[in-house]
Amino acid sequence: MTSRVHSISEPVDTSRSIFDLLGGEPGVRALVDRFYNQMDIEPDLKELRAAHGPSLDEARDKLFWFLCGYFGGPDHYIERFGHPRLRARHLPFSIGEVERDQWVTCMGRALEDEGIEPALVDRLLESFYGVADWMRNR
């Protein structure tokens, strides 16, 4: 996880969807692009990067489509592929604690770099950690 510490008492605007709080599709795309750009250049994320194969293009689009729906926006992923079945779709990839932790670290950095409100970053990272831990298959 990231090194930032925030009070869990900081309010998060619950009157709008996370999708809207992130700036809609342009905001989600910027977040996903920042996530994959970091993964591609940061040496402390090398195991995570290696797990993605030679090209990040397909993963970049799929995460964007998935997160749009996950955050309360359009269900682009479901329209293209049906139910996400996240664990089943990730079984072909070797995911351990290192990859889990690097994924969450990378997403935390991307959220911070995109200027997302700290209380929302904390909320999202808590959720992402649970999902990433559930994806572990070794």
N, C-alpha and C. Protein backbone atom coordinates (compact mmCIF):
# COMPACT_ATOMS: atom_id res chain seq x y z
N MET A 1 0.84 -1.17 0.00
CA MET A 1 0.00 0.00 0.00
C MET A 1 0.89 1.24 0.00
N THR A 2 0.28 2.36 -0.16
CA THR A 2 1.04 3.60 -0.22
C THR A 2 1.48 4.00 1.17
N SER A 3 2.43 4.92 1.21
CA SER A 3 2.96 5.37 2.48
C SER A 3 2.12 6.49 3.10
N ARG A 4 1.14 6.99 2.36
CA ARG A 4 0.32 8.08 2.88
C ARG A 4 -0.61 7.57 3.97
N VAL A 5 -0.84 8.40 4.95
CA VAL A 5 -1.78 8.07 6.01
C VAL A 5 -2.80 9.19 6.09
N HIS A 6 -4.05 8.82 6.08
CA HIS A 6 -5.12 9.81 6.19
C HIS A 6 -6.09 9.36 7.26
N SER A 7 -6.76 10.31 7.81
CA SER A 7 -7.79 10.02 8.78
C SER A 7 -8.99 9.39 8.07
N ILE A 8 -9.47 8.29 8.62
CA ILE A 8 -10.64 7.67 8.01
C ILE A 8 -11.90 8.50 8.27
N SER A 9 -11.75 9.54 9.08
CA SER A 9 -12.90 10.40 9.34
C SER A 9 -13.08 11.47 8.27
N GLU A 10 -12.12 11.57 7.34
CA GLU A 10 -12.28 12.55 6.27
C GLU A 10 -13.50 12.16 5.44
N PRO A 11 -14.37 13.11 5.15
CA PRO A 11 -15.59 12.77 4.42
C PRO A 11 -15.34 12.48 2.95
N VAL A 12 -16.15 11.59 2.42
CA VAL A 12 -16.18 11.32 0.98
C VAL A 12 -17.57 11.73 0.51
N ASP A 13 -17.63 12.49 -0.56
CA ASP A 13 -18.91 12.92 -1.12
C ASP A 13 -19.68 11.69 -1.60
N THR A 14 -20.75 11.34 -0.89
CA THR A 14 -21.53 10.16 -1.26
C THR A 14 -22.76 10.51 -2.10
N SER A 15 -22.91 11.79 -2.44
CA SER A 15 -24.07 12.19 -3.25
C SER A 15 -23.82 11.94 -4.73
N ARG A 16 -22.55 11.67 -5.10
CA ARG A 16 -22.19 11.41 -6.49
C ARG A 16 -21.50 10.06 -6.58
N SER A 17 -21.58 9.42 -7.73
CA SER A 17 -20.90 8.14 -7.91
C SER A 17 -19.39 8.36 -7.94
N ILE A 18 -18.66 7.31 -7.67
CA ILE A 18 -17.20 7.38 -7.77
C ILE A 18 -16.81 7.73 -9.20
N PHE A 19 -17.55 7.19 -10.15
CA PHE A 19 -17.31 7.50 -11.57
C PHE A 19 -17.35 9.01 -11.78
N ASP A 20 -18.36 9.67 -11.24
CA ASP A 20 -18.47 11.12 -11.37
C ASP A 20 -17.38 11.85 -10.60
N LEU A 21 -17.07 11.37 -9.40
CA LEU A 21 -16.02 12.00 -8.60
C LEU A 21 -14.66 11.93 -9.29
N LEU A 22 -14.45 10.89 -10.09
CA LEU A 22 -13.18 10.74 -10.81
C LEU A 22 -13.16 11.52 -12.12
N GLY A 23 -14.29 12.11 -12.50
CA GLY A 23 -14.32 12.90 -13.73
C GLY A 23 -14.89 12.15 -14.93
N GLY A 24 -15.71 11.14 -14.67
CA GLY A 24 -16.33 10.40 -15.77
C GLY A 24 -15.30 9.61 -16.57
N GLU A 25 -15.64 9.31 -17.82
CA GLU A 25 -14.75 8.51 -18.66
C GLU A 25 -13.37 9.12 -18.83
N PRO A 26 -13.25 10.45 -19.05
CA PRO A 26 -11.90 11.02 -19.17
C PRO A 26 -11.06 10.82 -17.91
N GLY A 27 -11.69 10.95 -16.75
CA GLY A 27 -10.97 10.77 -15.49
C GLY A 27 -10.55 9.33 -15.26
N VAL A 28 -11.44 8.40 -15.58
CA VAL A 28 -11.11 6.98 -15.42
C VAL A 28 -10.01 6.60 -16.41
N ARG A 29 -10.10 7.08 -17.65
CA ARG A 29 -9.06 6.79 -18.65
C ARG A 29 -7.71 7.33 -18.20
N ALA A 30 -7.69 8.55 -17.66
CA ALA A 30 -6.44 9.13 -17.18
C ALA A 30 -5.86 8.30 -16.04
N LEU A 31 -6.71 7.85 -15.13
CA LEU A 31 -6.27 7.01 -14.03
C LEU A 31 -5.66 5.71 -14.54
N VAL A 32 -6.35 5.05 -15.44
CA VAL A 32 -5.88 3.77 -15.99
C VAL A 32 -4.58 3.98 -16.76
N ASP A 33 -4.51 5.03 -17.55
CA ASP A 33 -3.28 5.29 -18.30
C ASP A 33 -2.12 5.55 -17.35
N ARG A 34 -2.35 6.33 -16.30
CA ARG A 34 -1.29 6.60 -15.33
C ARG A 34 -0.86 5.30 -14.65
N PHE A 35 -1.81 4.44 -14.31
CA PHE A 35 -1.54 3.15 -13.68
C PHE A 35 -0.60 2.32 -14.56
N TYR A 36 -0.95 2.16 -15.83
CA TYR A 36 -0.13 1.32 -16.71
C TYR A 36 1.17 2.00 -17.10
N ASN A 37 1.18 3.31 -17.23
CA ASN A 37 2.44 4.00 -17.52
C ASN A 37 3.44 3.80 -16.40
N GLN A 38 2.99 3.89 -15.16
CA GLN A 38 3.87 3.67 -14.01
C GLN A 38 4.39 2.25 -13.99
N MET A 39 3.48 1.30 -14.21
CA MET A 39 3.86 -0.10 -14.20
C MET A 39 4.97 -0.37 -15.22
N ASP A 40 4.91 0.35 -16.31
CA ASP A 40 5.86 0.14 -17.41
C ASP A 40 7.24 0.74 -17.12
N ILE A 41 7.34 1.68 -16.16
CA ILE A 41 8.64 2.36 -15.96
C ILE A 41 9.23 2.20 -14.56
N GLU A 42 8.42 1.90 -13.57
CA GLU A 42 8.92 1.86 -12.19
C GLU A 42 9.56 0.50 -11.87
N PRO A 43 10.84 0.50 -11.49
CA PRO A 43 11.52 -0.77 -11.23
C PRO A 43 10.94 -1.56 -10.05
N ASP A 44 10.31 -0.89 -9.10
CA ASP A 44 9.75 -1.63 -7.96
C ASP A 44 8.42 -2.30 -8.31
N LEU A 45 7.97 -2.18 -9.56
CA LEU A 45 6.74 -2.83 -10.01
C LEU A 45 7.04 -3.89 -11.08
N LYS A 46 8.28 -4.36 -11.14
CA LYS A 46 8.69 -5.23 -12.24
C LYS A 46 7.97 -6.58 -12.25
N GLU A 47 7.65 -7.15 -11.10
CA GLU A 47 6.93 -8.43 -11.10
C GLU A 47 5.51 -8.25 -11.63
N LEU A 48 4.89 -7.16 -11.24
CA LEU A 48 3.55 -6.85 -11.75
C LEU A 48 3.59 -6.65 -13.26
N ARG A 49 4.56 -5.91 -13.72
CA ARG A 49 4.68 -5.66 -15.16
C ARG A 49 4.92 -6.96 -15.92
N ALA A 50 5.78 -7.81 -15.38
CA ALA A 50 6.09 -9.09 -16.04
C ALA A 50 4.86 -9.98 -16.15
N ALA A 51 3.96 -9.89 -15.19
CA ALA A 51 2.75 -10.71 -15.21
C ALA A 51 1.80 -10.33 -16.34
N HIS A 52 2.00 -9.15 -16.93
CA HIS A 52 1.09 -8.66 -17.97
C HIS A 52 1.52 -8.99 -19.39
N GLY A 53 2.67 -9.60 -19.58
CA GLY A 53 3.11 -9.95 -20.92
C GLY A 53 3.70 -8.76 -21.66
N PRO A 54 4.00 -8.96 -22.94
CA PRO A 54 4.74 -7.94 -23.69
C PRO A 54 3.99 -6.63 -23.94
N SER A 55 2.68 -6.68 -24.10
CA SER A 55 1.91 -5.48 -24.39
C SER A 55 0.89 -5.20 -23.30
N LEU A 56 0.74 -3.93 -22.97
CA LEU A 56 -0.26 -3.52 -21.97
C LEU A 56 -1.54 -3.01 -22.61
N ASP A 57 -1.60 -2.97 -23.93
CA ASP A 57 -2.74 -2.35 -24.62
C ASP A 57 -4.08 -3.00 -24.27
N GLU A 58 -4.15 -4.32 -24.35
CA GLU A 58 -5.42 -5.01 -24.06
C GLU A 58 -5.81 -4.86 -22.60
N ALA A 59 -4.84 -5.01 -21.71
CA ALA A 59 -5.12 -4.87 -20.28
C ALA A 59 -5.58 -3.45 -19.96
N ARG A 60 -4.96 -2.48 -20.60
CA ARG A 60 -5.30 -1.07 -20.39
C ARG A 60 -6.77 -0.83 -20.74
N ASP A 61 -7.20 -1.31 -21.89
CA ASP A 61 -8.60 -1.13 -22.31
C ASP A 61 -9.56 -1.88 -21.40
N LYS A 62 -9.21 -3.12 -21.07
CA LYS A 62 -10.11 -3.92 -20.23
C LYS A 62 -10.28 -3.32 -18.84
N LEU A 63 -9.19 -2.81 -18.25
CA LEU A 63 -9.32 -2.19 -16.93
C LEU A 63 -10.16 -0.92 -17.02
N PHE A 64 -9.96 -0.13 -18.06
CA PHE A 64 -10.78 1.07 -18.25
C PHE A 64 -12.25 0.70 -18.36
N TRP A 65 -12.57 -0.26 -19.21
CA TRP A 65 -13.97 -0.66 -19.39
C TRP A 65 -14.55 -1.19 -18.08
N PHE A 66 -13.77 -2.01 -17.37
CA PHE A 66 -14.25 -2.57 -16.11
C PHE A 66 -14.47 -1.48 -15.07
N LEU A 67 -13.47 -0.60 -14.89
CA LEU A 67 -13.59 0.41 -13.84
C LEU A 67 -14.73 1.40 -14.10
N CYS A 68 -15.02 1.68 -15.35
CA CYS A 68 -16.17 2.56 -15.63
C CYS A 68 -17.42 2.00 -14.95
N GLY A 69 -17.71 0.74 -15.15
CA GLY A 69 -18.88 0.12 -14.55
C GLY A 69 -18.74 -0.07 -13.04
N TYR A 70 -17.58 -0.48 -12.61
CA TYR A 70 -17.30 -0.72 -11.19
C TYR A 70 -17.52 0.55 -10.37
N PHE A 71 -17.18 1.69 -10.96
CA PHE A 71 -17.30 2.97 -10.28
C PHE A 71 -18.67 3.62 -10.46
N GLY A 72 -19.60 2.96 -11.15
CA GLY A 72 -20.95 3.50 -11.28
C GLY A 72 -21.27 4.15 -12.60
N GLY A 73 -20.38 4.01 -13.57
CA GLY A 73 -20.62 4.57 -14.89
C GLY A 73 -21.11 3.50 -15.85
N PRO A 74 -20.91 3.70 -17.15
CA PRO A 74 -21.38 2.74 -18.15
C PRO A 74 -20.73 1.36 -18.00
N ASP A 75 -21.49 0.33 -18.29
CA ASP A 75 -21.02 -1.05 -18.17
C ASP A 75 -20.34 -1.52 -19.45
N HIS A 76 -19.31 -0.81 -19.87
CA HIS A 76 -18.61 -1.16 -21.11
C HIS A 76 -18.06 -2.58 -21.10
N TYR A 77 -17.51 -3.00 -19.98
CA TYR A 77 -16.92 -4.34 -19.90
C TYR A 77 -17.99 -5.41 -20.07
N ILE A 78 -19.07 -5.28 -19.32
CA ILE A 78 -20.14 -6.28 -19.38
C ILE A 78 -20.76 -6.33 -20.77
N GLU A 79 -20.92 -5.18 -21.40
CA GLU A 79 -21.46 -5.15 -22.76
C GLU A 79 -20.59 -5.93 -23.74
N ARG A 80 -19.28 -5.93 -23.53
CA ARG A 80 -18.35 -6.60 -24.44
C ARG A 80 -18.12 -8.06 -24.08
N PHE A 81 -18.03 -8.36 -22.79
CA PHE A 81 -17.56 -9.68 -22.36
C PHE A 81 -18.50 -10.42 -21.43
N GLY A 82 -19.59 -9.81 -21.01
CA GLY A 82 -20.46 -10.45 -20.03
C GLY A 82 -19.95 -10.22 -18.62
N HIS A 83 -20.43 -11.03 -17.70
CA HIS A 83 -20.05 -10.90 -16.29
C HIS A 83 -18.53 -10.91 -16.17
N PRO A 84 -17.98 -10.05 -15.32
CA PRO A 84 -16.53 -9.96 -15.21
C PRO A 84 -15.83 -11.25 -14.76
N ARG A 85 -16.44 -12.04 -13.90
CA ARG A 85 -15.81 -13.27 -13.41
C ARG A 85 -14.32 -13.03 -13.15
N LEU A 86 -14.03 -12.04 -12.34
CA LEU A 86 -12.65 -11.58 -12.15
C LEU A 86 -11.68 -12.69 -11.78
N ARG A 87 -12.02 -13.48 -10.79
CA ARG A 87 -11.09 -14.53 -10.36
C ARG A 87 -10.85 -15.53 -11.48
N ALA A 88 -11.90 -15.97 -12.12
CA ALA A 88 -11.75 -16.95 -13.21
C ALA A 88 -10.91 -16.39 -14.35
N ARG A 89 -11.13 -15.14 -14.69
CA ARG A 89 -10.38 -14.53 -15.80
C ARG A 89 -8.91 -14.29 -15.46
N HIS A 90 -8.58 -14.24 -14.17
CA HIS A 90 -7.20 -14.03 -13.77
C HIS A 90 -6.46 -15.32 -13.43
N LEU A 91 -7.13 -16.46 -13.45
CA LEU A 91 -6.48 -17.72 -13.11
C LEU A 91 -5.29 -18.06 -14.01
N PRO A 92 -5.30 -17.71 -15.29
CA PRO A 92 -4.14 -18.03 -16.12
C PRO A 92 -2.86 -17.28 -15.72
N PHE A 93 -2.99 -16.24 -14.89
CA PHE A 93 -1.85 -15.43 -14.50
C PHE A 93 -1.41 -15.82 -13.09
N SER A 94 -0.11 -15.89 -12.90
CA SER A 94 0.44 -16.22 -11.60
C SER A 94 0.40 -14.98 -10.72
N ILE A 95 -0.48 -15.02 -9.71
CA ILE A 95 -0.66 -13.86 -8.83
C ILE A 95 -0.43 -14.28 -7.39
N GLY A 96 0.61 -13.73 -6.81
CA GLY A 96 0.94 -13.97 -5.42
C GLY A 96 0.88 -12.68 -4.63
N GLU A 97 1.43 -12.71 -3.43
CA GLU A 97 1.41 -11.53 -2.58
C GLU A 97 2.19 -10.37 -3.19
N VAL A 98 3.30 -10.66 -3.86
CA VAL A 98 4.11 -9.59 -4.46
C VAL A 98 3.31 -8.86 -5.52
N GLU A 99 2.68 -9.62 -6.43
CA GLU A 99 1.88 -9.01 -7.49
C GLU A 99 0.69 -8.25 -6.92
N ARG A 100 0.04 -8.82 -5.92
CA ARG A 100 -1.07 -8.13 -5.25
C ARG A 100 -0.61 -6.79 -4.69
N ASP A 101 0.46 -6.82 -3.92
CA ASP A 101 0.94 -5.61 -3.27
C ASP A 101 1.41 -4.58 -4.29
N GLN A 102 2.06 -5.03 -5.36
CA GLN A 102 2.51 -4.10 -6.38
C GLN A 102 1.32 -3.49 -7.13
N TRP A 103 0.27 -4.28 -7.37
CA TRP A 103 -0.92 -3.76 -8.04
C TRP A 103 -1.53 -2.63 -7.20
N VAL A 104 -1.69 -2.88 -5.92
CA VAL A 104 -2.30 -1.88 -5.04
C VAL A 104 -1.40 -0.65 -4.91
N THR A 105 -0.10 -0.86 -4.81
CA THR A 105 0.85 0.26 -4.76
C THR A 105 0.76 1.10 -6.02
N CYS A 106 0.76 0.44 -7.16
CA CYS A 106 0.69 1.14 -8.44
C CYS A 106 -0.61 1.94 -8.56
N MET A 107 -1.72 1.33 -8.16
CA MET A 107 -3.00 2.04 -8.23
C MET A 107 -3.02 3.20 -7.25
N GLY A 108 -2.45 3.02 -6.07
CA GLY A 108 -2.38 4.12 -5.11
C GLY A 108 -1.60 5.30 -5.66
N ARG A 109 -0.49 5.02 -6.30
CA ARG A 109 0.31 6.09 -6.90
C ARG A 109 -0.47 6.78 -8.01
N ALA A 110 -1.15 5.99 -8.83
CA ALA A 110 -1.92 6.57 -9.93
C ALA A 110 -3.03 7.47 -9.39
N LEU A 111 -3.73 7.02 -8.36
CA LEU A 111 -4.80 7.83 -7.76
C LEU A 111 -4.24 9.14 -7.21
N GLU A 112 -3.13 9.06 -6.51
CA GLU A 112 -2.51 10.26 -5.96
C GLU A 112 -2.04 11.19 -7.07
N ASP A 113 -1.40 10.63 -8.09
CA ASP A 113 -0.90 11.45 -9.20
C ASP A 113 -2.02 12.16 -9.94
N GLU A 114 -3.20 11.55 -9.96
CA GLU A 114 -4.35 12.15 -10.62
C GLU A 114 -5.07 13.15 -9.72
N GLY A 115 -4.55 13.35 -8.52
CA GLY A 115 -5.11 14.37 -7.63
C GLY A 115 -6.44 13.99 -6.99
N ILE A 116 -6.66 12.70 -6.83
CA ILE A 116 -7.92 12.24 -6.22
C ILE A 116 -7.90 12.58 -4.73
N GLU A 117 -9.04 12.99 -4.23
CA GLU A 117 -9.21 13.37 -2.82
C GLU A 117 -8.69 12.24 -1.91
N PRO A 118 -7.86 12.57 -0.92
CA PRO A 118 -7.24 11.54 -0.07
C PRO A 118 -8.23 10.57 0.57
N ALA A 119 -9.38 11.05 1.03
CA ALA A 119 -10.34 10.14 1.65
C ALA A 119 -10.87 9.13 0.64
N LEU A 120 -11.05 9.55 -0.61
CA LEU A 120 -11.51 8.64 -1.65
C LEU A 120 -10.39 7.66 -2.02
N VAL A 121 -9.16 8.13 -2.06
CA VAL A 121 -8.02 7.23 -2.32
C VAL A 121 -8.01 6.11 -1.29
N ASP A 122 -8.12 6.46 -0.03
CA ASP A 122 -8.11 5.46 1.04
C ASP A 122 -9.25 4.46 0.87
N ARG A 123 -10.42 4.97 0.59
CA ARG A 123 -11.60 4.11 0.40
C ARG A 123 -11.39 3.15 -0.77
N LEU A 124 -10.90 3.67 -1.88
CA LEU A 124 -10.69 2.83 -3.05
C LEU A 124 -9.58 1.81 -2.82
N LEU A 125 -8.50 2.22 -2.18
CA LEU A 125 -7.41 1.28 -1.94
C LEU A 125 -7.82 0.15 -1.01
N GLU A 126 -8.67 0.44 -0.06
CA GLU A 126 -9.17 -0.62 0.82
C GLU A 126 -9.97 -1.64 0.01
N SER A 127 -10.83 -1.15 -0.86
CA SER A 127 -11.61 -2.03 -1.72
C SER A 127 -10.72 -2.81 -2.68
N PHE A 128 -9.79 -2.10 -3.33
CA PHE A 128 -8.89 -2.74 -4.29
C PHE A 128 -8.02 -3.80 -3.63
N TYR A 129 -7.58 -3.55 -2.41
CA TYR A 129 -6.76 -4.54 -1.72
C TYR A 129 -7.53 -5.84 -1.54
N GLY A 130 -8.79 -5.71 -1.12
CA GLY A 130 -9.61 -6.92 -0.93
C GLY A 130 -9.78 -7.70 -2.21
N VAL A 131 -10.04 -7.01 -3.30
CA VAL A 131 -10.20 -7.67 -4.60
C VAL A 131 -8.87 -8.28 -5.05
N ALA A 132 -7.78 -7.53 -4.91
CA ALA A 132 -6.47 -8.03 -5.34
C ALA A 132 -6.06 -9.25 -4.51
N ASP A 133 -6.38 -9.25 -3.23
CA ASP A 133 -6.05 -10.40 -2.40
C ASP A 133 -6.87 -11.61 -2.82
N TRP A 134 -8.09 -11.40 -3.20
CA TRP A 134 -8.98 -12.47 -3.64
C TRP A 134 -8.47 -13.08 -4.96
N MET A 135 -7.73 -12.31 -5.75
CA MET A 135 -7.21 -12.79 -7.03
C MET A 135 -5.99 -13.70 -6.88
N ARG A 136 -5.38 -13.70 -5.71
CA ARG A 136 -4.17 -14.53 -5.53
C ARG A 136 -4.48 -16.00 -5.83
N ASN A 137 -3.57 -16.61 -6.59
CA ASN A 137 -3.76 -18.02 -6.91
C ASN A 137 -2.48 -18.82 -6.65
N ARG A 138 -1.57 -18.21 -5.94
CA ARG A 138 -0.39 -18.95 -5.46
C ARG A 138 0.10 -18.31 -4.18
